[in-house]
């Protein structure tokens, strides 16, 4: 639920004032939803993968600072970030709306 997520976000973002930590918790949730949906449908795939990679890398670094390096490693947050950047490095996305749009342009 939101209360538990918000409490956790405040622990991870301990270095920010409460209001700013709450803002970033909301912004991260919106970005996760947006990037996830874009990646699922294959629309703006490269940009969504870069955004997802940056978001999860930021989350991993904040987790490491707040709880120690084992916390993001145990939850494979660095691996998720690396996977997002690997996806962003691909030149084509065969089964995506991006591929259909690219085919219409040619």
PDB file of N, CA and C in Angstrom:
ATOM      1  N   UNK A   1       0.834  -1.178   0.000  1.00  0.00           N
ATOM      2  CA  UNK A   1       0.000   0.000   0.000  1.00  0.00           C
ATOM      3  C   UNK A   1       0.882   1.247   0.000  1.00  0.00           C
ATOM      4  N   UNK A   2       0.260   2.389  -0.235  1.00  0.00           N
ATOM      5  CA  UNK A   2       1.032   3.616  -0.403  1.00  0.00           C
ATOM      6  C   UNK A   2       1.763   4.022   0.878  1.00  0.00           C
ATOM      7  N   UNK A   3       1.143   3.838   2.034  1.00  0.00           N
ATOM      8  CA  UNK A   3       1.778   4.257   3.280  1.00  0.00           C
ATOM      9  C   UNK A   3       3.102   3.531   3.486  1.00  0.00           C
ATOM     10  N   UNK A   4       3.120   2.219   3.296  1.00  0.00           N
ATOM     11  CA  UNK A   4       4.355   1.468   3.477  1.00  0.00           C
ATOM     12  C   UNK A   4       5.397   1.852   2.421  1.00  0.00           C
ATOM     13  N   UNK A   5       4.956   2.044   1.175  1.00  0.00           N
ATOM     14  CA  UNK A   5       5.888   2.466   0.134  1.00  0.00           C
ATOM     15  C   UNK A   5       6.458   3.847   0.456  1.00  0.00           C
ATOM     16  N   UNK A   6       5.612   4.752   0.891  1.00  0.00           N
ATOM     17  CA  UNK A   6       6.055   6.100   1.228  1.00  0.00           C
ATOM     18  C   UNK A   6       7.054   6.073   2.385  1.00  0.00           C
ATOM     19  N   UNK A   7       6.774   5.265   3.403  1.00  0.00           N
ATOM     20  CA  UNK A   7       7.704   5.137   4.527  1.00  0.00           C
ATOM     21  C   UNK A   7       9.058   4.614   4.052  1.00  0.00           C
ATOM     22  N   UNK A   8       9.045   3.618   3.172  1.00  0.00           N
ATOM     23  CA  UNK A   8      10.283   3.063   2.629  1.00  0.00           C
ATOM     24  C   UNK A   8      11.020   4.107   1.798  1.00  0.00           C
ATOM     25  N   UNK A   9      10.281   4.852   0.975  1.00  0.00           N
ATOM     26  CA  UNK A   9      10.900   5.904   0.152  1.00  0.00           C
ATOM     27  C   UNK A   9      11.565   6.952   1.035  1.00  0.00           C
ATOM     28  N   UNK A  10      10.943   7.289   2.137  1.00  0.00           N
ATOM     29  CA  UNK A  10      11.539   8.261   3.062  1.00  0.00           C
ATOM     30  C   UNK A  10      12.811   7.709   3.708  1.00  0.00           C
ATOM     31  N   UNK A  11      12.862   6.403   3.944  1.00  0.00           N
ATOM     32  CA  UNK A  11      14.078   5.791   4.480  1.00  0.00           C
ATOM     33  C   UNK A  11      15.191   5.817   3.438  1.00  0.00           C
ATOM     34  N   UNK A  12      14.849   5.497   2.180  1.00  0.00           N
ATOM     35  CA  UNK A  12      15.840   5.485   1.104  1.00  0.00           C
ATOM     36  C   UNK A  12      16.338   6.899   0.822  1.00  0.00           C
ATOM     37  N   UNK A  13      15.432   7.863   0.879  1.00  0.00           N
ATOM     38  CA  UNK A  13      15.764   9.260   0.588  1.00  0.00           C
ATOM     39  C   UNK A  13      15.932  10.063   1.878  1.00  0.00           C
ATOM     40  N   UNK A  14      16.595   9.470   2.841  1.00  0.00           N
ATOM     41  CA  UNK A  14      16.760  10.084   4.156  1.00  0.00           C
ATOM     42  C   UNK A  14      17.438  11.449   4.105  1.00  0.00           C
ATOM     43  N   UNK A  15      18.202  11.716   3.070  1.00  0.00           N
ATOM     44  CA  UNK A  15      18.963  12.959   2.955  1.00  0.00           C
ATOM     45  C   UNK A  15      18.125  14.115   2.414  1.00  0.00           C
ATOM     46  N   UNK A  16      16.867  13.856   2.057  1.00  0.00           N
ATOM     47  CA  UNK A  16      15.978  14.896   1.538  1.00  0.00           C
ATOM     48  C   UNK A  16      14.954  15.294   2.595  1.00  0.00           C
ATOM     49  N   UNK A  17      14.463  16.529   2.520  1.00  0.00           N
ATOM     50  CA  UNK A  17      13.344  16.912   3.401  1.00  0.00           C
ATOM     51  C   UNK A  17      12.109  16.059   3.090  1.00  0.00           C
ATOM     52  N   UNK A  18      11.232  15.904   4.066  1.00  0.00           N
ATOM     53  CA  UNK A  18      10.066  15.020   3.911  1.00  0.00           C
ATOM     54  C   UNK A  18       9.216  15.342   2.698  1.00  0.00           C
ATOM     55  N   UNK A  19       8.937  16.609   2.465  1.00  0.00           N
ATOM     56  CA  UNK A  19       8.104  16.987   1.326  1.00  0.00           C
ATOM     57  C   UNK A  19       8.737  16.623  -0.002  1.00  0.00           C
ATOM     58  N   UNK A  20      10.045  16.817  -0.102  1.00  0.00           N
ATOM     59  CA  UNK A  20      10.757  16.489  -1.337  1.00  0.00           C
ATOM     60  C   UNK A  20      10.851  14.978  -1.529  1.00  0.00           C
ATOM     61  N   UNK A  21      11.050  14.246  -0.441  1.00  0.00           N
ATOM     62  CA  UNK A  21      11.079  12.782  -0.530  1.00  0.00           C
ATOM     63  C   UNK A  21       9.731  12.253  -1.000  1.00  0.00           C
ATOM     64  N   UNK A  22       8.657  12.839  -0.515  1.00  0.00           N
ATOM     65  CA  UNK A  22       7.313  12.413  -0.945  1.00  0.00           C
ATOM     66  C   UNK A  22       7.102  12.716  -2.422  1.00  0.00           C
ATOM     67  N   UNK A  23       7.553  13.883  -2.871  1.00  0.00           N
ATOM     68  CA  UNK A  23       7.454  14.241  -4.288  1.00  0.00           C
ATOM     69  C   UNK A  23       8.185  13.221  -5.147  1.00  0.00           C
ATOM     70  N   UNK A  24       9.414  12.860  -4.750  1.00  0.00           N
ATOM     71  CA  UNK A  24      10.188  11.895  -5.531  1.00  0.00           C
ATOM     72  C   UNK A  24       9.575  10.500  -5.479  1.00  0.00           C
ATOM     73  N   UNK A  25       8.928  10.148  -4.395  1.00  0.00           N
ATOM     74  CA  UNK A  25       8.235   8.860  -4.318  1.00  0.00           C
ATOM     75  C   UNK A  25       7.096   8.820  -5.328  1.00  0.00           C
ATOM     76  N   UNK A  26       6.348   9.906  -5.424  1.00  0.00           N
ATOM     77  CA  UNK A  26       5.253   9.990  -6.396  1.00  0.00           C
ATOM     78  C   UNK A  26       5.808  10.002  -7.816  1.00  0.00           C
ATOM     79  N   UNK A  27       6.853  10.813  -8.049  1.00  0.00           N
ATOM     80  CA  UNK A  27       7.449  10.904  -9.383  1.00  0.00           C
ATOM     81  C   UNK A  27       8.016   9.559  -9.825  1.00  0.00           C
ATOM     82  N   UNK A  28       8.673   8.837  -8.917  1.00  0.00           N
ATOM     83  CA  UNK A  28       9.231   7.524  -9.258  1.00  0.00           C
ATOM     84  C   UNK A  28       8.124   6.538  -9.619  1.00  0.00           C
ATOM     85  N   UNK A  29       7.027   6.585  -8.894  1.00  0.00           N
ATOM     86  CA  UNK A  29       5.906   5.696  -9.184  1.00  0.00           C
ATOM     87  C   UNK A  29       5.311   5.984 -10.558  1.00  0.00           C
ATOM     88  N   UNK A  30       5.126   7.254 -10.863  1.00  0.00           N
ATOM     89  CA  UNK A  30       4.593   7.636 -12.182  1.00  0.00           C
ATOM     90  C   UNK A  30       5.553   7.201 -13.289  1.00  0.00           C
ATOM     91  N   UNK A  31       6.844   7.439 -13.084  1.00  0.00           N
ATOM     92  CA  UNK A  31       7.846   7.050 -14.091  1.00  0.00           C
ATOM     93  C   UNK A  31       7.898   5.537 -14.271  1.00  0.00           C
ATOM     94  N   UNK A  32       7.847   4.777 -13.178  1.00  0.00           N
ATOM     95  CA  UNK A  32       7.842   3.312 -13.278  1.00  0.00           C
ATOM     96  C   UNK A  32       6.651   2.831 -14.087  1.00  0.00           C
ATOM     97  N   UNK A  33       5.492   3.394 -13.836  1.00  0.00           N
ATOM     98  CA  UNK A  33       4.287   3.017 -14.567  1.00  0.00           C
ATOM     99  C   UNK A  33       4.413   3.386 -16.045  1.00  0.00           C
ATOM    100  N   UNK A  34       4.863   4.589 -16.324  1.00  0.00           N
ATOM    101  CA  UNK A  34       5.014   5.050 -17.699  1.00  0.00           C
ATOM    102  C   UNK A  34       6.035   4.213 -18.458  1.00  0.00           C
ATOM    103  N   UNK A  35       7.237   4.041 -17.882  1.00  0.00           N
ATOM    104  CA  UNK A  35       8.282   3.271 -18.561  1.00  0.00           C
ATOM    105  C   UNK A  35       7.849   1.821 -18.765  1.00  0.00           C
ATOM    106  N   UNK A  36       7.228   1.233 -17.767  1.00  0.00           N
ATOM    107  CA  UNK A  36       6.772  -0.151 -17.883  1.00  0.00           C
ATOM    108  C   UNK A  36       5.760  -0.331 -19.002  1.00  0.00           C
ATOM    109  N   UNK A  37       4.788   0.559 -19.083  1.00  0.00           N
ATOM    110  CA  UNK A  37       3.778   0.470 -20.142  1.00  0.00           C
ATOM    111  C   UNK A  37       4.396   0.674 -21.522  1.00  0.00           C
ATOM    112  N   UNK A  38       5.286   1.668 -21.645  1.00  0.00           N
ATOM    113  CA  UNK A  38       5.948   1.912 -22.932  1.00  0.00           C
ATOM    114  C   UNK A  38       6.783   0.710 -23.360  1.00  0.00           C
ATOM    115  N   UNK A  39       7.480   0.092 -22.417  1.00  0.00           N
ATOM    116  CA  UNK A  39       8.288  -1.074 -22.750  1.00  0.00           C
ATOM    117  C   UNK A  39       7.422  -2.273 -23.120  1.00  0.00           C
ATOM    118  N   UNK A  40       6.311  -2.447 -22.449  1.00  0.00           N
ATOM    119  CA  UNK A  40       5.426  -3.570 -22.760  1.00  0.00           C
ATOM    120  C   UNK A  40       4.839  -3.479 -24.170  1.00  0.00           C
ATOM    121  N   UNK A  41       4.462  -2.283 -24.575  1.00  0.00           N
ATOM    122  CA  UNK A  41       3.855  -2.146 -25.905  1.00  0.00           C
ATOM    123  C   UNK A  41       4.889  -1.874 -26.986  1.00  0.00           C
ATOM    124  N   UNK A  42       6.128  -1.567 -26.601  1.00  0.00           N
ATOM    125  CA  UNK A  42       7.180  -1.332 -27.587  1.00  0.00           C
ATOM    126  C   UNK A  42       7.100   0.026 -28.244  1.00  0.00           C
ATOM    127  N   UNK A  43       6.702   1.013 -27.506  1.00  0.00           N
ATOM    128  CA  UNK A  43       6.597   2.375 -28.030  1.00  0.00           C
ATOM    129  C   UNK A  43       7.676   3.231 -27.364  1.00  0.00           C
ATOM    130  N   UNK A  44       8.438   3.958 -28.172  1.00  0.00           N
ATOM    131  CA  UNK A  44       9.557   4.767 -27.662  1.00  0.00           C
ATOM    132  C   UNK A  44      10.482   3.912 -26.799  1.00  0.00           C
ATOM    133  N   UNK A  45      10.783   2.739 -27.307  1.00  0.00           N
ATOM    134  CA  UNK A  45      11.488   1.726 -26.529  1.00  0.00           C
ATOM    135  C   UNK A  45      12.839   2.204 -26.024  1.00  0.00           C
ATOM    136  N   UNK A  46      13.633   2.815 -26.890  1.00  0.00           N
ATOM    137  CA  UNK A  46      14.969   3.253 -26.467  1.00  0.00           C
ATOM    138  C   UNK A  46      14.870   4.276 -25.326  1.00  0.00           C
ATOM    139  N   UNK A  47      13.996   5.260 -25.484  1.00  0.00           N
ATOM    140  CA  UNK A  47      13.862   6.296 -24.454  1.00  0.00           C
ATOM    141  C   UNK A  47      13.312   5.727 -23.150  1.00  0.00           C
ATOM    142  N   UNK A  48      12.356   4.810 -23.262  1.00  0.00           N
ATOM    143  CA  UNK A  48      11.800   4.184 -22.061  1.00  0.00           C
ATOM    144  C   UNK A  48      12.851   3.336 -21.354  1.00  0.00           C
ATOM    145  N   UNK A  49      13.687   2.645 -22.125  1.00  0.00           N
ATOM    146  CA  UNK A  49      14.741   1.820 -21.523  1.00  0.00           C
ATOM    147  C   UNK A  49      15.798   2.691 -20.849  1.00  0.00           C
ATOM    148  N   UNK A  50      16.166   3.797 -21.477  1.00  0.00           N
ATOM    149  CA  UNK A  50      17.127   4.714 -20.849  1.00  0.00           C
ATOM    150  C   UNK A  50      16.537   5.287 -19.559  1.00  0.00           C
ATOM    151  N   UNK A  51      15.292   5.723 -19.611  1.00  0.00           N
ATOM    152  CA  UNK A  51      14.641   6.259 -18.410  1.00  0.00           C
ATOM    153  C   UNK A  51      14.548   5.221 -17.312  1.00  0.00           C
ATOM    154  N   UNK A  52      14.195   4.007 -17.674  1.00  0.00           N
ATOM    155  CA  UNK A  52      14.108   2.928 -16.696  1.00  0.00           C
ATOM    156  C   UNK A  52      15.480   2.616 -16.103  1.00  0.00           C
ATOM    157  N   UNK A  53      16.500   2.610 -16.938  1.00  0.00           N
ATOM    158  CA  UNK A  53      17.853   2.357 -16.454  1.00  0.00           C
ATOM    159  C   UNK A  53      18.327   3.429 -15.493  1.00  0.00           C
ATOM    160  N   UNK A  54      18.071   4.680 -15.845  1.00  0.00           N
ATOM    161  CA  UNK A  54      18.475   5.784 -14.956  1.00  0.00           C
ATOM    162  C   UNK A  54      17.702   5.752 -13.643  1.00  0.00           C
ATOM    163  N   UNK A  55      16.412   5.471 -13.728  1.00  0.00           N
ATOM    164  CA  UNK A  55      15.582   5.416 -12.521  1.00  0.00           C
ATOM    165  C   UNK A  55      16.049   4.299 -11.594  1.00  0.00           C
ATOM    166  N   UNK A  56      16.271   3.110 -12.138  1.00  0.00           N
ATOM    167  CA  UNK A  56      16.687   1.994 -11.284  1.00  0.00           C
ATOM    168  C   UNK A  56      18.123   2.156 -10.788  1.00  0.00           C
ATOM    169  N   UNK A  57      18.996   2.776 -11.590  1.00  0.00           N
ATOM    170  CA  UNK A  57      20.354   3.036 -11.117  1.00  0.00           C
ATOM    171  C   UNK A  57      20.345   4.039  -9.959  1.00  0.00           C
ATOM    172  N   UNK A  58      19.531   5.070 -10.087  1.00  0.00           N
ATOM    173  CA  UNK A  58      19.392   6.048  -9.005  1.00  0.00           C
ATOM    174  C   UNK A  58      18.850   5.377  -7.745  1.00  0.00           C
ATOM    175  N   UNK A  59      17.860   4.532  -7.928  1.00  0.00           N
ATOM    176  CA  UNK A  59      17.279   3.804  -6.806  1.00  0.00           C
ATOM    177  C   UNK A  59      18.327   2.900  -6.153  1.00  0.00           C
ATOM    178  N   UNK A  60      19.125   2.213  -6.960  1.00  0.00           N
ATOM    179  CA  UNK A  60      20.153   1.315  -6.429  1.00  0.00           C
ATOM    180  C   UNK A  60      21.200   2.086  -5.630  1.00  0.00           C
ATOM    181  N   UNK A  61      21.631   3.227  -6.151  1.00  0.00           N
ATOM    182  CA  UNK A  61      22.632   4.029  -5.443  1.00  0.00           C
ATOM    183  C   UNK A  61      22.059   4.546  -4.125  1.00  0.00           C
ATOM    184  N   UNK A  62      20.825   5.030  -4.148  1.00  0.00           N
ATOM    185  CA  UNK A  62      20.195   5.519  -2.908  1.00  0.00           C
ATOM    186  C   UNK A  62      20.021   4.390  -1.903  1.00  0.00           C
ATOM    187  N   UNK A  63      19.646   3.194  -2.370  1.00  0.00           N
ATOM    188  CA  UNK A  63      19.535   2.037  -1.478  1.00  0.00           C
ATOM    189  C   UNK A  63      20.884   1.700  -0.855  1.00  0.00           C
ATOM    190  N   UNK A  64      21.945   1.750  -1.679  1.00  0.00           N
ATOM    191  CA  UNK A  64      23.280   1.422  -1.179  1.00  0.00           C
ATOM    192  C   UNK A  64      23.734   2.422  -0.120  1.00  0.00           C
ATOM    193  N   UNK A  65      23.433   3.695  -0.353  1.00  0.00           N
ATOM    194  CA  UNK A  65      23.815   4.717   0.626  1.00  0.00           C
ATOM    195  C   UNK A  65      23.002   4.555   1.917  1.00  0.00           C
ATOM    196  N   UNK A  66      21.715   4.279   1.788  1.00  0.00           N
ATOM    197  CA  UNK A  66      20.846   4.197   2.962  1.00  0.00           C
ATOM    198  C   UNK A  66      21.017   2.911   3.761  1.00  0.00           C
ATOM    199  N   UNK A  67      21.168   1.779   3.068  1.00  0.00           N
ATOM    200  CA  UNK A  67      21.134   0.478   3.754  1.00  0.00           C
ATOM    201  C   UNK A  67      22.390  -0.369   3.566  1.00  0.00           C
ATOM    202  N   UNK A  68      23.338   0.093   2.763  1.00  0.00           N
ATOM    203  CA  UNK A  68      24.531  -0.701   2.477  1.00  0.00           C
ATOM    204  C   UNK A  68      24.422  -1.348   1.099  1.00  0.00           C
ATOM    205  N   UNK A  69      25.543  -1.749   0.571  1.00  0.00           N
ATOM    206  CA  UNK A  69      25.604  -2.252  -0.809  1.00  0.00           C
ATOM    207  C   UNK A  69      24.870  -3.576  -0.989  1.00  0.00           C
ATOM    208  N   UNK A  70      24.727  -4.360   0.067  1.00  0.00           N
ATOM    209  CA  UNK A  70      24.060  -5.652  -0.101  1.00  0.00           C
ATOM    210  C   UNK A  70      22.574  -5.517  -0.397  1.00  0.00           C
ATOM    211  N   UNK A  71      21.950  -4.431   0.024  1.00  0.00           N
ATOM    212  CA  UNK A  71      20.518  -4.256  -0.204  1.00  0.00           C
ATOM    213  C   UNK A  71      20.161  -4.214  -1.686  1.00  0.00           C
ATOM    214  N   UNK A  72      20.770  -3.346  -2.508  1.00  0.00           N
ATOM    215  CA  UNK A  72      20.418  -3.366  -3.934  1.00  0.00           C
ATOM    216  C   UNK A  72      20.916  -4.618  -4.644  1.00  0.00           C
ATOM    217  N   UNK A  73      21.982  -5.239  -4.133  1.00  0.00           N
ATOM    218  CA  UNK A  73      22.467  -6.479  -4.751  1.00  0.00           C
ATOM    219  C   UNK A  73      21.477  -7.610  -4.472  1.00  0.00           C
ATOM    220  N   UNK A  74      20.970  -7.697  -3.246  1.00  0.00           N
ATOM    221  CA  UNK A  74      20.008  -8.754  -2.899  1.00  0.00           C
ATOM    222  C   UNK A  74      18.735  -8.656  -3.733  1.00  0.00           C
ATOM    223  N   UNK A  75      18.325  -7.452  -4.090  1.00  0.00           N
ATOM    224  CA  UNK A  75      17.114  -7.267  -4.886  1.00  0.00           C
ATOM    225  C   UNK A  75      17.412  -7.135  -6.376  1.00  0.00           C
ATOM    226  N   UNK A  76      18.654  -7.337  -6.774  1.00  0.00           N
ATOM    227  CA  UNK A  76      19.084  -7.311  -8.183  1.00  0.00           C
ATOM    228  C   UNK A  76      18.755  -5.999  -8.888  1.00  0.00           C
ATOM    229  N   UNK A  77      18.812  -4.902  -8.169  1.00  0.00           N
ATOM    230  CA  UNK A  77      18.478  -3.608  -8.752  1.00  0.00           C
ATOM    231  C   UNK A  77      19.519  -3.197  -9.793  1.00  0.00           C
ATOM    232  N   UNK A  78      20.792  -3.490  -9.524  1.00  0.00           N
ATOM    233  CA  UNK A  78      21.827  -3.174 -10.512  1.00  0.00           C
ATOM    234  C   UNK A  78      21.636  -3.998 -11.784  1.00  0.00           C
ATOM    235  N   UNK A  79      21.207  -5.247 -11.646  1.00  0.00           N
ATOM    236  CA  UNK A  79      20.968  -6.098 -12.812  1.00  0.00           C
ATOM    237  C   UNK A  79      19.804  -5.567 -13.645  1.00  0.00           C
ATOM    238  N   UNK A  80      18.759  -5.091 -12.990  1.00  0.00           N
ATOM    239  CA  UNK A  80      17.626  -4.505 -13.715  1.00  0.00           C
ATOM    240  C   UNK A  80      18.074  -3.261 -14.468  1.00  0.00           C
ATOM    241  N   UNK A  81      18.877  -2.436 -13.828  1.00  0.00           N
ATOM    242  CA  UNK A  81      19.393  -1.232 -14.465  1.00  0.00           C
ATOM    243  C   UNK A  81      20.251  -1.597 -15.678  1.00  0.00           C
ATOM    244  N   UNK A  82      21.148  -2.562 -15.514  1.00  0.00           N
ATOM    245  CA  UNK A  82      22.002  -2.991 -16.624  1.00  0.00           C
ATOM    246  C   UNK A  82      21.172  -3.567 -17.769  1.00  0.00           C
ATOM    247  N   UNK A  83      20.136  -4.321 -17.441  1.00  0.00           N
ATOM    248  CA  UNK A  83      19.252  -4.861 -18.474  1.00  0.00           C
ATOM    249  C   UNK A  83      18.542  -3.765 -19.250  1.00  0.00           C
ATOM    250  N   UNK A  84      18.146  -2.726 -18.559  1.00  0.00           N
ATOM    251  CA  UNK A  84      17.501  -1.596 -19.233  1.00  0.00           C
ATOM    252  C   UNK A  84      18.468  -0.904 -20.183  1.00  0.00           C
ATOM    253  N   UNK A  85      19.700  -0.703 -19.727  1.00  0.00           N
ATOM    254  CA  UNK A  85      20.687  -0.067 -20.598  1.00  0.00           C
ATOM    255  C   UNK A  85      21.062  -0.968 -21.770  1.00  0.00           C
ATOM    256  N   UNK A  86      21.080  -2.281 -21.557  1.00  0.00           N
ATOM    257  CA  UNK A  86      21.340  -3.211 -22.654  1.00  0.00           C
ATOM    258  C   UNK A  86      20.226  -3.122 -23.701  1.00  0.00           C
ATOM    259  N   UNK A  87      18.995  -3.076 -23.250  1.00  0.00           N
ATOM    260  CA  UNK A  87      17.875  -2.920 -24.177  1.00  0.00           C
ATOM    261  C   UNK A  87      17.984  -1.615 -24.945  1.00  0.00           C
ATOM    262  N   UNK A  88      18.380  -0.554 -24.280  1.00  0.00           N
ATOM    263  CA  UNK A  88      18.511   0.748 -24.939  1.00  0.00           C
ATOM    264  C   UNK A  88      19.613   0.738 -25.994  1.00  0.00           C
ATOM    265  N   UNK A  89      20.583  -0.146 -25.855  1.00  0.00           N
ATOM    266  CA  UNK A  89      21.695  -0.178 -26.801  1.00  0.00           C
ATOM    267  C   UNK A  89      21.373  -0.924 -28.094  1.00  0.00           C
ATOM    268  N   UNK A  90      20.232  -1.604 -28.143  1.00  0.00           N
ATOM    269  CA  UNK A  90      19.863  -2.347 -29.345  1.00  0.00           C
ATOM    270  C   UNK A  90      19.524  -1.383 -30.488  1.00  0.00           C
ATOM    271  N   UNK A  91      19.806  -1.800 -31.706  1.00  0.00           N
ATOM    272  CA  UNK A  91      19.548  -0.928 -32.853  1.00  0.00           C
ATOM    273  C   UNK A  91      18.126  -1.053 -33.371  1.00  0.00           C
ATOM    274  N   UNK A  92      17.511  -2.226 -33.215  1.00  0.00           N
ATOM    275  CA  UNK A  92      16.128  -2.421 -33.659  1.00  0.00           C
ATOM    276  C   UNK A  92      15.359  -3.189 -32.595  1.00  0.00           C
ATOM    277  N   UNK A  93      14.051  -3.034 -32.639  1.00  0.00           N
ATOM    278  CA  UNK A  93      13.152  -3.739 -31.729  1.00  0.00           C
ATOM    279  C   UNK A  93      12.099  -4.432 -32.586  1.00  0.00           C
ATOM    280  N   UNK A  94      12.375  -5.659 -32.990  1.00  0.00           N
ATOM    281  CA  UNK A  94      11.607  -6.361 -34.012  1.00  0.00           C
ATOM    282  C   UNK A  94      10.111  -6.444 -33.724  1.00  0.00           C
ATOM    283  N   UNK A  95       9.728  -6.818 -32.550  1.00  0.00           N
ATOM    284  CA  UNK A  95       8.315  -7.029 -32.235  1.00  0.00           C
ATOM    285  C   UNK A  95       7.778  -5.862 -31.418  1.00  0.00           C
ATOM    286  N   UNK A  96       7.761  -4.693 -32.005  1.00  0.00           N
ATOM    287  CA  UNK A  96       7.336  -3.510 -31.268  1.00  0.00           C
ATOM    288  C   UNK A  96       6.579  -2.546 -32.180  1.00  0.00           C
ATOM    289  N   UNK A  97       5.892  -1.634 -31.556  1.00  0.00           N
ATOM    290  CA  UNK A  97       5.236  -0.568 -32.312  1.00  0.00           C
ATOM    291  C   UNK A  97       6.292   0.287 -32.998  1.00  0.00           C
ATOM    292  N   UNK A  98       7.452   0.428 -32.368  1.00  0.00           N
ATOM    293  CA  UNK A  98       8.555   1.181 -32.998  1.00  0.00           C
ATOM    294  C   UNK A  98       8.932   0.584 -34.338  1.00  0.00           C
ATOM    295  N   UNK A  99       8.987  -0.749 -34.432  1.00  0.00           N
ATOM    296  CA  UNK A  99       9.338  -1.422 -35.682  1.00  0.00           C
ATOM    297  C   UNK A  99       8.259  -1.192 -36.741  1.00  0.00           C
ATOM    298  N   UNK A 100       7.010  -1.234 -36.345  1.00  0.00           N
ATOM    299  CA  UNK A 100       5.910  -0.982 -37.277  1.00  0.00           C
ATOM    300  C   UNK A 100       5.979   0.457 -37.782  1.00  0.00           C
ATOM    301  N   UNK A 101       6.223   1.384 -36.876  1.00  0.00           N
ATOM    302  CA  UNK A 101       6.331   2.796 -37.276  1.00  0.00           C
ATOM    303  C   UNK A 101       7.531   3.019 -38.191  1.00  0.00           C
ATOM    304  N   UNK A 102       8.646   2.348 -37.924  1.00  0.00           N
ATOM    305  CA  UNK A 102       9.828   2.499 -38.766  1.00  0.00           C
ATOM    306  C   UNK A 102       9.582   1.921 -40.150  1.00  0.00           C
ATOM    307  N   UNK A 103       8.831   0.828 -40.229  1.00  0.00           N
ATOM    308  CA  UNK A 103       8.507   0.211 -41.513  1.00  0.00           C
ATOM    309  C   UNK A 103       7.630   1.094 -42.377  1.00  0.00           C
ATOM    310  N   UNK A 104       6.736   1.844 -41.784  1.00  0.00           N
ATOM    311  CA  UNK A 104       5.850   2.748 -42.529  1.00  0.00           C
ATOM    312  C   UNK A 104       6.610   3.934 -43.078  1.00  0.00           C
ATOM    313  N   UNK A 105       7.679   4.351 -42.377  1.00  0.00           N
ATOM    314  CA  UNK A 105       8.459   5.503 -42.833  1.00  0.00           C
ATOM    315  C   UNK A 105       9.289   5.146 -44.063  1.00  0.00           C
ATOM    316  N   UNK A 106       9.631   3.867 -44.235  1.00  0.00           N
ATOM    317  CA  UNK A 106      10.507   3.471 -45.335  1.00  0.00           C
ATOM    318  C   UNK A 106       9.760   3.206 -46.591  1.00  0.00           C
TER     319      UNK A 106
END
